[in-house]
Amino acid sequence: MSLYRIVHTTTYRYRRPVTFAAHRLMFRPRDSFDQKLISSSFRVWPTQSAIRWSHDVFGNCVAEVSFSGAAQELRFETNLLVDHSPDAAPDFTIGQEALSYPVHYSPEEAPDLA
């Protein structure tokens, strides 16, 4: 087990106060067979008026942040603790049918591939 602390800050500064449209942020890593998100924190300046969490079609965690006022600085900060254990990776095997191109799929797989 290897634990990693990741701190990321993105800051935008403007010459005069500006208003902000909604922002879609993807700061959280996905869990997988070799990586687990242990803890996370997320802060935004100026204070957001609303935050909505969702997952996109690829399994990414997306935060949509809205703002109500104007500011001269916009800052996003994340603090993550991740367990990354590449030695836990499964041994994937490749089927014989996938070793030549083009790959021919079975009729049962067609609905999933569409």
PDB file of N, CA and C in Angstrom:
ATOM      1  N   MET A   1       0.848  -1.180   0.000  1.00  0.00           N
ATOM      2  CA  MET A   1       0.000   0.000   0.000  1.00  0.00           C
ATOM      3  C   MET A   1       0.885   1.232   0.000  1.00  0.00           C
ATOM      4  N   SER A   2       0.606   2.152  -0.952  1.00  0.00           N
ATOM      5  CA  SER A   2       1.311   3.429  -1.027  1.00  0.00           C
ATOM      6  C   SER A   2       0.293   4.551  -0.910  1.00  0.00           C
ATOM      7  N   LEU A   3       0.403   5.361   0.132  1.00  0.00           N
ATOM      8  CA  LEU A   3      -0.506   6.487   0.326  1.00  0.00           C
ATOM      9  C   LEU A   3       0.122   7.754  -0.227  1.00  0.00           C
ATOM     10  N   TYR A   4      -0.672   8.493  -0.986  1.00  0.00           N
ATOM     11  CA  TYR A   4      -0.219   9.754  -1.557  1.00  0.00           C
ATOM     12  C   TYR A   4      -1.157  10.861  -1.129  1.00  0.00           C
ATOM     13  N   ARG A   5      -0.590  11.963  -0.658  1.00  0.00           N
ATOM     14  CA  ARG A   5      -1.356  13.180  -0.348  1.00  0.00           C
ATOM     15  C   ARG A   5      -1.182  14.089  -1.556  1.00  0.00           C
ATOM     16  N   ILE A   6      -2.284  14.498  -2.152  1.00  0.00           N
ATOM     17  CA  ILE A   6      -2.262  15.368  -3.325  1.00  0.00           C
ATOM     18  C   ILE A   6      -2.992  16.652  -2.974  1.00  0.00           C
ATOM     19  N   VAL A   7      -2.298  17.768  -3.078  1.00  0.00           N
ATOM     20  CA  VAL A   7      -2.907  19.083  -2.849  1.00  0.00           C
ATOM     21  C   VAL A   7      -2.785  19.854  -4.156  1.00  0.00           C
ATOM     22  N   HIS A   8      -3.918  20.298  -4.667  1.00  0.00           N
ATOM     23  CA  HIS A   8      -3.928  21.026  -5.939  1.00  0.00           C
ATOM     24  C   HIS A   8      -4.699  22.326  -5.757  1.00  0.00           C
ATOM     25  N   THR A   9      -4.104  23.420  -6.208  1.00  0.00           N
ATOM     26  CA  THR A   9      -4.761  24.729  -6.169  1.00  0.00           C
ATOM     27  C   THR A   9      -4.673  25.371  -7.545  1.00  0.00           C
ATOM     28  N   THR A  10      -5.806  25.841  -8.028  1.00  0.00           N
ATOM     29  CA  THR A  10      -5.865  26.620  -9.274  1.00  0.00           C
ATOM     30  C   THR A  10      -6.411  27.984  -8.906  1.00  0.00           C
ATOM     31  N   THR A  11      -5.694  29.040  -9.307  1.00  0.00           N
ATOM     32  CA  THR A  11      -6.096  30.406  -8.978  1.00  0.00           C
ATOM     33  C   THR A  11      -6.133  31.253 -10.240  1.00  0.00           C
ATOM     34  N   TYR A  12      -7.217  31.997 -10.410  1.00  0.00           N
ATOM     35  CA  TYR A  12      -7.354  32.967 -11.492  1.00  0.00           C
ATOM     36  C   TYR A  12      -7.492  34.347 -10.847  1.00  0.00           C
ATOM     37  N   ARG A  13      -6.737  35.329 -11.343  1.00  0.00           N
ATOM     38  CA  ARG A  13      -6.814  36.700 -10.825  1.00  0.00           C
ATOM     39  C   ARG A  13      -7.190  37.650 -11.964  1.00  0.00           C
ATOM     40  N   TYR A  14      -8.022  38.640 -11.637  1.00  0.00           N
ATOM     41  CA  TYR A  14      -8.526  39.580 -12.629  1.00  0.00           C
ATOM     42  C   TYR A  14      -8.241  41.012 -12.182  1.00  0.00           C
ATOM     43  N   ARG A  15      -8.112  41.913 -13.131  1.00  0.00           N
ATOM     44  CA  ARG A  15      -7.793  43.322 -12.816  1.00  0.00           C
ATOM     45  C   ARG A  15      -8.942  44.029 -12.112  1.00  0.00           C
ATOM     46  N   ARG A  16     -10.153  43.601 -12.404  1.00  0.00           N
ATOM     47  CA  ARG A  16     -11.325  44.195 -11.769  1.00  0.00           C
ATOM     48  C   ARG A  16     -12.314  43.074 -11.453  1.00  0.00           C
ATOM     49  N   PRO A  17     -13.283  43.313 -10.598  1.00  0.00           N
ATOM     50  CA  PRO A  17     -14.251  42.271 -10.271  1.00  0.00           C
ATOM     51  C   PRO A  17     -15.000  41.794 -11.515  1.00  0.00           C
ATOM     52  N   VAL A  18     -15.154  40.484 -11.607  1.00  0.00           N
ATOM     53  CA  VAL A  18     -15.879  39.866 -12.712  1.00  0.00           C
ATOM     54  C   VAL A  18     -16.915  38.915 -12.137  1.00  0.00           C
ATOM     55  N   THR A  19     -17.933  38.610 -12.935  1.00  0.00           N
ATOM     56  CA  THR A  19     -18.916  37.599 -12.532  1.00  0.00           C
ATOM     57  C   THR A  19     -18.532  36.284 -13.218  1.00  0.00           C
ATOM     58  N   PHE A  20     -18.969  35.191 -12.637  1.00  0.00           N
ATOM     59  CA  PHE A  20     -18.568  33.878 -13.116  1.00  0.00           C
ATOM     60  C   PHE A  20     -19.778  33.073 -13.570  1.00  0.00           C
ATOM     61  N   ALA A  21     -19.619  32.382 -14.674  1.00  0.00           N
ATOM     62  CA  ALA A  21     -20.612  31.395 -15.089  1.00  0.00           C
ATOM     63  C   ALA A  21     -20.370  30.133 -14.265  1.00  0.00           C
ATOM     64  N   ALA A  22     -21.256  29.170 -14.397  1.00  0.00           N
ATOM     65  CA  ALA A  22     -21.072  27.892 -13.699  1.00  0.00           C
ATOM     66  C   ALA A  22     -19.805  27.221 -14.216  1.00  0.00           C
ATOM     67  N   HIS A  23     -19.076  26.566 -13.328  1.00  0.00           N
ATOM     68  CA  HIS A  23     -17.853  25.838 -13.670  1.00  0.00           C
ATOM     69  C   HIS A  23     -18.065  24.346 -13.420  1.00  0.00           C
ATOM     70  N   ARG A  24     -17.605  23.505 -14.349  1.00  0.00           N
ATOM     71  CA  ARG A  24     -17.613  22.045 -14.178  1.00  0.00           C
ATOM     72  C   ARG A  24     -16.192  21.625 -13.832  1.00  0.00           C
ATOM     73  N   LEU A  25     -16.044  20.992 -12.674  1.00  0.00           N
ATOM     74  CA  LEU A  25     -14.724  20.648 -12.157  1.00  0.00           C
ATOM     75  C   LEU A  25     -14.593  19.143 -11.990  1.00  0.00           C
ATOM     76  N   MET A  26     -13.426  18.638 -12.334  1.00  0.00           N
ATOM     77  CA  MET A  26     -13.151  17.207 -12.201  1.00  0.00           C
ATOM     78  C   MET A  26     -11.838  17.053 -11.446  1.00  0.00           C
ATOM     79  N   PHE A  27     -11.897  17.178 -10.117  1.00  0.00           N
ATOM     80  CA  PHE A  27     -10.700  17.123  -9.284  1.00  0.00           C
ATOM     81  C   PHE A  27     -10.550  15.815  -8.517  1.00  0.00           C
ATOM     82  N   ARG A  28     -11.554  14.954  -8.528  1.00  0.00           N
ATOM     83  CA  ARG A  28     -11.484  13.699  -7.769  1.00  0.00           C
ATOM     84  C   ARG A  28     -11.071  12.557  -8.682  1.00  0.00           C
ATOM     85  N   PRO A  29     -10.058  11.790  -8.294  1.00  0.00           N
ATOM     86  CA  PRO A  29      -9.677  10.629  -9.113  1.00  0.00           C
ATOM     87  C   PRO A  29     -10.699   9.509  -8.964  1.00  0.00           C
ATOM     88  N   ARG A  30     -10.797   8.681  -9.996  1.00  0.00           N
ATOM     89  CA  ARG A  30     -11.704   7.534  -9.943  1.00  0.00           C
ATOM     90  C   ARG A  30     -11.064   6.398  -9.164  1.00  0.00           C
ATOM     91  N   ASP A  31     -11.892   5.646  -8.453  1.00  0.00           N
ATOM     92  CA  ASP A  31     -11.417   4.415  -7.824  1.00  0.00           C
ATOM     93  C   ASP A  31     -11.254   3.361  -8.914  1.00  0.00           C
ATOM     94  N   SER A  32     -10.301   2.478  -8.715  1.00  0.00           N
ATOM     95  CA  SER A  32     -10.101   1.361  -9.637  1.00  0.00           C
ATOM     96  C   SER A  32      -9.494   0.206  -8.857  1.00  0.00           C
ATOM     97  N   PHE A  33      -9.108  -0.839  -9.547  1.00  0.00           N
ATOM     98  CA  PHE A  33      -8.567  -2.007  -8.862  1.00  0.00           C
ATOM     99  C   PHE A  33      -7.277  -1.709  -8.124  1.00  0.00           C
ATOM    100  N   ASP A  34      -6.526  -0.694  -8.567  1.00  0.00           N
ATOM    101  CA  ASP A  34      -5.244  -0.393  -7.926  1.00  0.00           C
ATOM    102  C   ASP A  34      -5.209   0.969  -7.241  1.00  0.00           C
ATOM    103  N   GLN A  35      -6.349   1.654  -7.193  1.00  0.00           N
ATOM    104  CA  GLN A  35      -6.365   2.992  -6.597  1.00  0.00           C
ATOM    105  C   GLN A  35      -7.670   3.227  -5.862  1.00  0.00           C
ATOM    106  N   LYS A  36      -7.560   3.678  -4.622  1.00  0.00           N
ATOM    107  CA  LYS A  36      -8.733   3.975  -3.796  1.00  0.00           C
ATOM    108  C   LYS A  36      -8.599   5.378  -3.221  1.00  0.00           C
ATOM    109  N   LEU A  37      -9.669   6.142  -3.324  1.00  0.00           N
ATOM    110  CA  LEU A  37      -9.712   7.466  -2.720  1.00  0.00           C
ATOM    111  C   LEU A  37     -10.057   7.299  -1.248  1.00  0.00           C
ATOM    112  N   ILE A  38      -9.126   7.652  -0.361  1.00  0.00           N
ATOM    113  CA  ILE A  38      -9.324   7.503   1.079  1.00  0.00           C
ATOM    114  C   ILE A  38     -10.105   8.689   1.651  1.00  0.00           C
ATOM    115  N   SER A  39      -9.695   9.909   1.281  1.00  0.00           N
ATOM    116  CA  SER A  39     -10.399  11.104   1.756  1.00  0.00           C
ATOM    117  C   SER A  39     -10.187  12.233   0.762  1.00  0.00           C
ATOM    118  N   SER A  40     -11.099  13.189   0.799  1.00  0.00           N
ATOM    119  CA  SER A  40     -10.964  14.352  -0.073  1.00  0.00           C
ATOM    120  C   SER A  40     -11.665  15.549   0.556  1.00  0.00           C
ATOM    121  N   SER A  41     -11.117  16.713   0.272  1.00  0.00           N
ATOM    122  CA  SER A  41     -11.785  17.957   0.644  1.00  0.00           C
ATOM    123  C   SER A  41     -11.671  18.902  -0.539  1.00  0.00           C
ATOM    124  N   PHE A  42     -12.629  19.795  -0.640  1.00  0.00           N
ATOM    125  CA  PHE A  42     -12.740  20.682  -1.800  1.00  0.00           C
ATOM    126  C   PHE A  42     -13.207  22.036  -1.307  1.00  0.00           C
ATOM    127  N   ARG A  43     -12.464  23.091  -1.651  1.00  0.00           N
ATOM    128  CA  ARG A  43     -12.847  24.447  -1.244  1.00  0.00           C
ATOM    129  C   ARG A  43     -12.803  25.368  -2.454  1.00  0.00           C
ATOM    130  N   VAL A  44     -13.699  26.362  -2.436  1.00  0.00           N
ATOM    131  CA  VAL A  44     -13.816  27.315  -3.537  1.00  0.00           C
ATOM    132  C   VAL A  44     -13.896  28.718  -2.961  1.00  0.00           C
ATOM    133  N   TRP A  45     -13.179  29.660  -3.612  1.00  0.00           N
ATOM    134  CA  TRP A  45     -13.278  31.085  -3.287  1.00  0.00           C
ATOM    135  C   TRP A  45     -13.550  31.835  -4.569  1.00  0.00           C
ATOM    136  N   PRO A  46     -14.470  32.775  -4.655  1.00  0.00           N
ATOM    137  CA  PRO A  46     -15.357  33.195  -3.576  1.00  0.00           C
ATOM    138  C   PRO A  46     -16.327  32.069  -3.239  1.00  0.00           C
ATOM    139  N   THR A  47     -17.012  32.202  -2.136  1.00  0.00           N
ATOM    140  CA  THR A  47     -17.942  31.174  -1.701  1.00  0.00           C
ATOM    141  C   THR A  47     -18.971  30.921  -2.797  1.00  0.00           C
ATOM    142  N   GLN A  48     -19.180  29.663  -3.093  1.00  0.00           N
ATOM    143  CA  GLN A  48     -20.123  29.313  -4.149  1.00  0.00           C
ATOM    144  C   GLN A  48     -21.552  29.460  -3.663  1.00  0.00           C
ATOM    145  N   SER A  49     -22.450  29.789  -4.584  1.00  0.00           N
ATOM    146  CA  SER A  49     -23.862  29.874  -4.208  1.00  0.00           C
ATOM    147  C   SER A  49     -24.518  28.500  -4.284  1.00  0.00           C
ATOM    148  N   ALA A  50     -23.963  27.598  -5.094  1.00  0.00           N
ATOM    149  CA  ALA A  50     -24.496  26.243  -5.199  1.00  0.00           C
ATOM    150  C   ALA A  50     -23.409  25.319  -5.722  1.00  0.00           C
ATOM    151  N   ILE A  51     -23.458  24.065  -5.276  1.00  0.00           N
ATOM    152  CA  ILE A  51     -22.557  23.045  -5.801  1.00  0.00           C
ATOM    153  C   ILE A  51     -23.376  21.777  -5.996  1.00  0.00           C
ATOM    154  N   ARG A  52     -23.240  21.172  -7.160  1.00  0.00           N
ATOM    155  CA  ARG A  52     -23.996  19.962  -7.488  1.00  0.00           C
ATOM    156  C   ARG A  52     -23.009  18.904  -7.964  1.00  0.00           C
ATOM    157  N   TRP A  53     -23.037  17.735  -7.318  1.00  0.00           N
ATOM    158  CA  TRP A  53     -22.138  16.625  -7.664  1.00  0.00           C
ATOM    159  C   TRP A  53     -22.873  15.623  -8.538  1.00  0.00           C
ATOM    160  N   SER A  54     -22.163  15.085  -9.535  1.00  0.00           N
ATOM    161  CA  SER A  54     -22.730  14.046 -10.391  1.00  0.00           C
ATOM    162  C   SER A  54     -21.587  13.206 -10.957  1.00  0.00           C
ATOM    163  N   HIS A  55     -21.942  12.160 -11.688  1.00  0.00           N
ATOM    164  CA  HIS A  55     -20.965  11.342 -12.392  1.00  0.00           C
ATOM    165  C   HIS A  55     -21.271  11.425 -13.885  1.00  0.00           C
ATOM    166  N   ASP A  56     -20.231  11.571 -14.701  1.00  0.00           N
ATOM    167  CA  ASP A  56     -20.439  11.576 -16.142  1.00  0.00           C
ATOM    168  C   ASP A  56     -20.494  10.139 -16.652  1.00  0.00           C
ATOM    169  N   VAL A  57     -20.658   9.973 -17.963  1.00  0.00           N
ATOM    170  CA  VAL A  57     -20.821   8.639 -18.537  1.00  0.00           C
ATOM    171  C   VAL A  57     -19.557   7.780 -18.414  1.00  0.00           C
ATOM    172  N   PHE A  58     -18.412   8.395 -18.108  1.00  0.00           N
ATOM    173  CA  PHE A  58     -17.167   7.655 -17.967  1.00  0.00           C
ATOM    174  C   PHE A  58     -16.856   7.310 -16.507  1.00  0.00           C
ATOM    175  N   GLY A  59     -17.747   7.697 -15.583  1.00  0.00           N
ATOM    176  CA  GLY A  59     -17.541   7.402 -14.171  1.00  0.00           C
ATOM    177  C   GLY A  59     -16.756   8.462 -13.435  1.00  0.00           C
ATOM    178  N   ASN A  60     -16.478   9.598 -14.080  1.00  0.00           N
ATOM    179  CA  ASN A  60     -15.776  10.691 -13.409  1.00  0.00           C
ATOM    180  C   ASN A  60     -16.726  11.441 -12.493  1.00  0.00           C
ATOM    181  N   CYS A  61     -16.232  11.836 -11.339  1.00  0.00           N
ATOM    182  CA  CYS A  61     -17.002  12.639 -10.399  1.00  0.00           C
ATOM    183  C   CYS A  61     -16.873  14.109 -10.834  1.00  0.00           C
ATOM    184  N   VAL A  62     -18.005  14.750 -11.080  1.00  0.00           N
ATOM    185  CA  VAL A  62     -18.017  16.117 -11.601  1.00  0.00           C
ATOM    186  C   VAL A  62     -18.748  17.019 -10.616  1.00  0.00           C
ATOM    187  N   ALA A  63     -18.122  18.139 -10.276  1.00  0.00           N
ATOM    188  CA  ALA A  63     -18.769  19.150  -9.435  1.00  0.00           C
ATOM    189  C   ALA A  63     -19.128  20.331 -10.327  1.00  0.00           C
ATOM    190  N   GLU A  64     -20.381  20.745 -10.292  1.00  0.00           N
ATOM    191  CA  GLU A  64     -20.792  21.956 -11.001  1.00  0.00           C
ATOM    192  C   GLU A  64     -21.006  23.038  -9.958  1.00  0.00           C
ATOM    193  N   VAL A  65     -20.195  24.085 -10.056  1.00  0.00           N
ATOM    194  CA  VAL A  65     -20.187  25.146  -9.058  1.00  0.00           C
ATOM    195  C   VAL A  65     -20.769  26.417  -9.664  1.00  0.00           C
ATOM    196  N   SER A  66     -21.704  27.044  -8.949  1.00  0.00           N
ATOM    197  CA  SER A  66     -22.306  28.308  -9.381  1.00  0.00           C
ATOM    198  C   SER A  66     -21.941  29.396  -8.385  1.00  0.00           C
ATOM    199  N   PHE A  67     -21.879  30.617  -8.883  1.00  0.00           N
ATOM    200  CA  PHE A  67     -21.501  31.767  -8.058  1.00  0.00           C
ATOM    201  C   PHE A  67     -22.569  32.842  -8.182  1.00  0.00           C
ATOM    202  N   SER A  68     -22.722  33.659  -7.115  1.00  0.00           N
ATOM    203  CA  SER A  68     -23.757  34.689  -7.151  1.00  0.00           C
ATOM    204  C   SER A  68     -23.198  36.101  -7.273  1.00  0.00           C
ATOM    205  N   GLY A  69     -21.942  36.313  -6.933  1.00  0.00           N
ATOM    206  CA  GLY A  69     -21.423  37.673  -6.959  1.00  0.00           C
ATOM    207  C   GLY A  69     -20.201  37.812  -7.845  1.00  0.00           C
ATOM    208  N   ALA A  70     -19.602  38.987  -7.801  1.00  0.00           N
ATOM    209  CA  ALA A  70     -18.391  39.276  -8.569  1.00  0.00           C
ATOM    210  C   ALA A  70     -17.180  39.227  -7.638  1.00  0.00           C
ATOM    211  N   ALA A  71     -16.020  38.953  -8.220  1.00  0.00           N
ATOM    212  CA  ALA A  71     -14.782  38.906  -7.435  1.00  0.00           C
ATOM    213  C   ALA A  71     -13.593  39.129  -8.365  1.00  0.00           C
ATOM    214  N   GLN A  72     -12.459  39.479  -7.779  1.00  0.00           N
ATOM    215  CA  GLN A  72     -11.227  39.661  -8.550  1.00  0.00           C
ATOM    216  C   GLN A  72     -10.359  38.410  -8.547  1.00  0.00           C
ATOM    217  N   GLU A  73     -10.776  37.396  -7.774  1.00  0.00           N
ATOM    218  CA  GLU A  73     -10.011  36.153  -7.730  1.00  0.00           C
ATOM    219  C   GLU A  73     -10.975  34.977  -7.664  1.00  0.00           C
ATOM    220  N   LEU A  74     -10.611  33.911  -8.380  1.00  0.00           N
ATOM    221  CA  LEU A  74     -11.352  32.661  -8.353  1.00  0.00           C
ATOM    222  C   LEU A  74     -10.338  31.569  -8.032  1.00  0.00           C
ATOM    223  N   ARG A  75     -10.615  30.798  -6.964  1.00  0.00           N
ATOM    224  CA  ARG A  75      -9.640  29.787  -6.547  1.00  0.00           C
ATOM    225  C   ARG A  75     -10.351  28.487  -6.174  1.00  0.00           C
ATOM    226  N   PHE A  76      -9.763  27.381  -6.638  1.00  0.00           N
ATOM    227  CA  PHE A  76     -10.239  26.043  -6.324  1.00  0.00           C
ATOM    228  C   PHE A  76      -9.092  25.308  -5.633  1.00  0.00           C
ATOM    229  N   GLU A  77      -9.399  24.624  -4.532  1.00  0.00           N
ATOM    230  CA  GLU A  77      -8.369  23.884  -3.805  1.00  0.00           C
ATOM    231  C   GLU A  77      -8.907  22.507  -3.452  1.00  0.00           C
ATOM    232  N   THR A  78      -8.120  21.474  -3.770  1.00  0.00           N
ATOM    233  CA  THR A  78      -8.475  20.122  -3.381  1.00  0.00           C
ATOM    234  C   THR A  78      -7.349  19.522  -2.557  1.00  0.00           C
ATOM    235  N   ASN A  79      -7.728  18.665  -1.638  1.00  0.00           N
ATOM    236  CA  ASN A  79      -6.779  17.959  -0.790  1.00  0.00           C
ATOM    237  C   ASN A  79      -7.229  16.498  -0.780  1.00  0.00           C
ATOM    238  N   LEU A  80      -6.416  15.604  -1.355  1.00  0.00           N
ATOM    239  CA  LEU A  80      -6.792  14.206  -1.525  1.00  0.00           C
ATOM    240  C   LEU A  80      -5.810  13.289  -0.824  1.00  0.00           C
ATOM    241  N   LEU A  81      -6.306  12.173  -0.340  1.00  0.00           N
ATOM    242  CA  LEU A  81      -5.463  11.096   0.156  1.00  0.00           C
ATOM    243  C   LEU A  81      -5.848   9.863  -0.657  1.00  0.00           C
ATOM    244  N   VAL A  82      -4.874   9.313  -1.390  1.00  0.00           N
ATOM    245  CA  VAL A  82      -5.118   8.218  -2.323  1.00  0.00           C
ATOM    246  C   VAL A  82      -4.222   7.034  -1.966  1.00  0.00           C
ATOM    247  N   ASP A  83      -4.799   5.846  -1.976  1.00  0.00           N
ATOM    248  CA  ASP A  83      -4.039   4.605  -1.820  1.00  0.00           C
ATOM    249  C   ASP A  83      -3.822   4.043  -3.218  1.00  0.00           C
ATOM    250  N   HIS A  84      -2.579   4.011  -3.661  1.00  0.00           N
ATOM    251  CA  HIS A  84      -2.243   3.482  -4.988  1.00  0.00           C
ATOM    252  C   HIS A  84      -1.390   2.241  -4.801  1.00  0.00           C
ATOM    253  N   SER A  85      -1.924   1.093  -5.217  1.00  0.00           N
ATOM    254  CA  SER A  85      -1.242  -0.189  -5.040  1.00  0.00           C
ATOM    255  C   SER A  85      -1.179  -0.928  -6.375  1.00  0.00           C
ATOM    256  N   PRO A  86      -0.232  -0.580  -7.255  1.00  0.00           N
ATOM    257  CA  PRO A  86      -0.185  -1.206  -8.580  1.00  0.00           C
ATOM    258  C   PRO A  86       0.071  -2.703  -8.537  1.00  0.00           C
ATOM    259  N   ASP A  87       0.632  -3.210  -7.449  1.00  0.00           N
ATOM    260  CA  ASP A  87       0.879  -4.644  -7.353  1.00  0.00           C
ATOM    261  C   ASP A  87      -0.417  -5.433  -7.191  1.00  0.00           C
ATOM    262  N   ALA A  88      -1.528  -4.759  -6.946  1.00  0.00           N
ATOM    263  CA  ALA A  88      -2.822  -5.425  -6.796  1.00  0.00           C
ATOM    264  C   ALA A  88      -3.544  -5.568  -8.134  1.00  0.00           C
ATOM    265  N   ALA A  89      -2.884  -5.210  -9.221  1.00  0.00           N
ATOM    266  CA  ALA A  89      -3.512  -5.254 -10.541  1.00  0.00           C
ATOM    267  C   ALA A  89      -3.826  -6.687 -10.943  1.00  0.00           C
ATOM    268  N   PRO A  90      -5.021  -6.916 -11.470  1.00  0.00           N
ATOM    269  CA  PRO A  90      -5.350  -8.261 -11.930  1.00  0.00           C
ATOM    270  C   PRO A  90      -4.557  -8.615 -13.187  1.00  0.00           C
ATOM    271  N   ASP A  91      -4.416  -9.888 -13.448  1.00  0.00           N
ATOM    272  CA  ASP A  91      -3.709 -10.362 -14.628  1.00  0.00           C
ATOM    273  C   ASP A  91      -4.724 -10.517 -15.755  1.00  0.00           C
ATOM    274  N   PHE A  92      -4.846  -9.490 -16.601  1.00  0.00           N
ATOM    275  CA  PHE A  92      -5.798  -9.535 -17.705  1.00  0.00           C
ATOM    276  C   PHE A  92      -5.239 -10.381 -18.841  1.00  0.00           C
ATOM    277  N   THR A  93      -6.078 -11.222 -19.404  1.00  0.00           N
ATOM    278  CA  THR A  93      -5.663 -12.003 -20.569  1.00  0.00           C
ATOM    279  C   THR A  93      -6.453 -11.521 -21.774  1.00  0.00           C
ATOM    280  N   ILE A  94      -5.863 -11.666 -22.938  1.00  0.00           N
ATOM    281  CA  ILE A  94      -6.498 -11.232 -24.179  1.00  0.00           C
ATOM    282  C   ILE A  94      -6.994 -12.471 -24.916  1.00  0.00           C
ATOM    283  N   GLY A  95      -8.275 -12.458 -25.250  1.00  0.00           N
ATOM    284  CA  GLY A  95      -8.851 -13.582 -25.987  1.00  0.00           C
ATOM    285  C   GLY A  95      -8.254 -13.678 -27.388  1.00  0.00           C
ATOM    286  N   GLN A  96      -8.198 -14.887 -27.916  1.00  0.00           N
ATOM    287  CA  GLN A  96      -7.630 -15.113 -29.249  1.00  0.00           C
ATOM    288  C   GLN A  96      -8.316 -14.269 -30.320  1.00  0.00           C
ATOM    289  N   GLU A  97      -9.632 -14.091 -30.186  1.00  0.00           N
ATOM    290  CA  GLU A  97     -10.376 -13.321 -31.186  1.00  0.00           C
ATOM    291  C   GLU A  97      -9.991 -11.846 -31.215  1.00  0.00           C
ATOM    292  N   ALA A  98      -9.341 -11.354 -30.158  1.00  0.00           N
ATOM    293  CA  ALA A  98      -8.950  -9.943 -30.082  1.00  0.00           C
ATOM    294  C   ALA A  98      -7.508  -9.714 -30.530  1.00  0.00           C
ATOM    295  N   LEU A  99      -6.822 -10.760 -30.945  1.00  0.00           N
ATOM    296  CA  LEU A  99      -5.423 -10.615 -31.342  1.00  0.00           C
ATOM    297  C   LEU A  99      -5.253 -10.198 -32.788  1.00  0.00           C
ATOM    298  N   SER A 100      -6.310 -10.227 -33.583  1.00  0.00           N
ATOM    299  CA  SER A 100      -6.198  -9.792 -34.985  1.00  0.00           C
ATOM    300  C   SER A 100      -7.156  -8.630 -35.226  1.00  0.00           C
ATOM    301  N   TYR A 101      -6.817  -7.837 -36.223  1.00  0.00           N
ATOM    302  CA  TYR A 101      -7.621  -6.652 -36.556  1.00  0.00           C
ATOM    303  C   TYR A 101      -8.210  -6.837 -37.935  1.00  0.00           C
ATOM    304  N   PRO A 102      -9.433  -6.500 -38.198  1.00  0.00           N
ATOM    305  CA  PRO A 102     -10.395  -5.953 -37.238  1.00  0.00           C
ATOM    306  C   PRO A 102     -10.921  -7.039 -36.308  1.00  0.00           C
ATOM    307  N   VAL A 103     -11.302  -6.613 -35.124  1.00  0.00           N
ATOM    308  CA  VAL A 103     -11.832  -7.536 -34.133  1.00  0.00           C
ATOM    309  C   VAL A 103     -13.273  -7.867 -34.515  1.00  0.00           C
ATOM    310  N   HIS A 104     -13.610  -9.138 -34.470  1.00  0.00           N
ATOM    311  CA  HIS A 104     -14.977  -9.573 -34.760  1.00  0.00           C
ATOM    312  C   HIS A 104     -15.658  -9.926 -33.442  1.00  0.00           C
ATOM    313  N   TYR A 105     -16.768  -9.247 -33.200  1.00  0.00           N
ATOM    314  CA  TYR A 105     -17.504  -9.448 -31.961  1.00  0.00           C
ATOM    315  C   TYR A 105     -18.687 -10.376 -32.197  1.00  0.00           C
ATOM    316  N   SER A 106     -19.113 -11.016 -31.150  1.00  0.00           N
ATOM    317  CA  SER A 106     -20.261 -11.921 -31.253  1.00  0.00           C
ATOM    318  C   SER A 106     -21.555 -11.110 -31.325  1.00  0.00           C
ATOM    319  N   PRO A 107     -22.608 -11.696 -31.875  1.00  0.00           N
ATOM    320  CA  PRO A 107     -23.898 -10.984 -31.925  1.00  0.00           C
ATOM    321  C   PRO A 107     -24.417 -10.598 -30.537  1.00  0.00           C
ATOM    322  N   GLU A 108     -24.072 -11.370 -29.504  1.00  0.00           N
ATOM    323  CA  GLU A 108     -24.521 -11.038 -28.148  1.00  0.00           C
ATOM    324  C   GLU A 108     -23.867  -9.736 -27.627  1.00  0.00           C
ATOM    325  N   GLU A 109     -22.693  -9.406 -28.144  1.00  0.00           N
ATOM    326  CA  GLU A 109     -21.998  -8.204 -27.696  1.00  0.00           C
ATOM    327  C   GLU A 109     -22.438  -6.939 -28.428  1.00  0.00           C
ATOM    328  N   ALA A 110     -23.126  -7.087 -29.558  1.00  0.00           N
ATOM    329  CA  ALA A 110     -23.512  -5.944 -30.398  1.00  0.00           C
ATOM    330  C   ALA A 110     -24.319  -4.886 -29.637  1.00  0.00           C
ATOM    331  N   PRO A 111     -25.342  -5.264 -28.832  1.00  0.00           N
ATOM    332  CA  PRO A 111     -26.100  -4.209 -28.127  1.00  0.00           C
ATOM    333  C   PRO A 111     -25.223  -3.391 -27.181  1.00  0.00           C
ATOM    334  N   ASP A 112     -24.280  -4.036 -26.498  1.00  0.00           N
ATOM    335  CA  ASP A 112     -23.404  -3.307 -25.581  1.00  0.00           C
ATOM    336  C   ASP A 112     -22.456  -2.393 -26.335  1.00  0.00           C
ATOM    337  N   LEU A 113     -21.984  -2.815 -27.488  1.00  0.00           N
ATOM    338  CA  LEU A 113     -21.038  -2.012 -28.269  1.00  0.00           C
ATOM    339  C   LEU A 113     -21.715  -0.840 -28.964  1.00  0.00           C
ATOM    340  N   ALA A 114     -23.019  -0.972 -29.229  1.00  0.00           N
ATOM    341  CA  ALA A 114     -23.743   0.117 -29.889  1.00  0.00           C
ATOM    342  C   ALA A 114     -23.848   1.296 -28.948  1.00  0.00           C
TER     343      ALA A 114
END
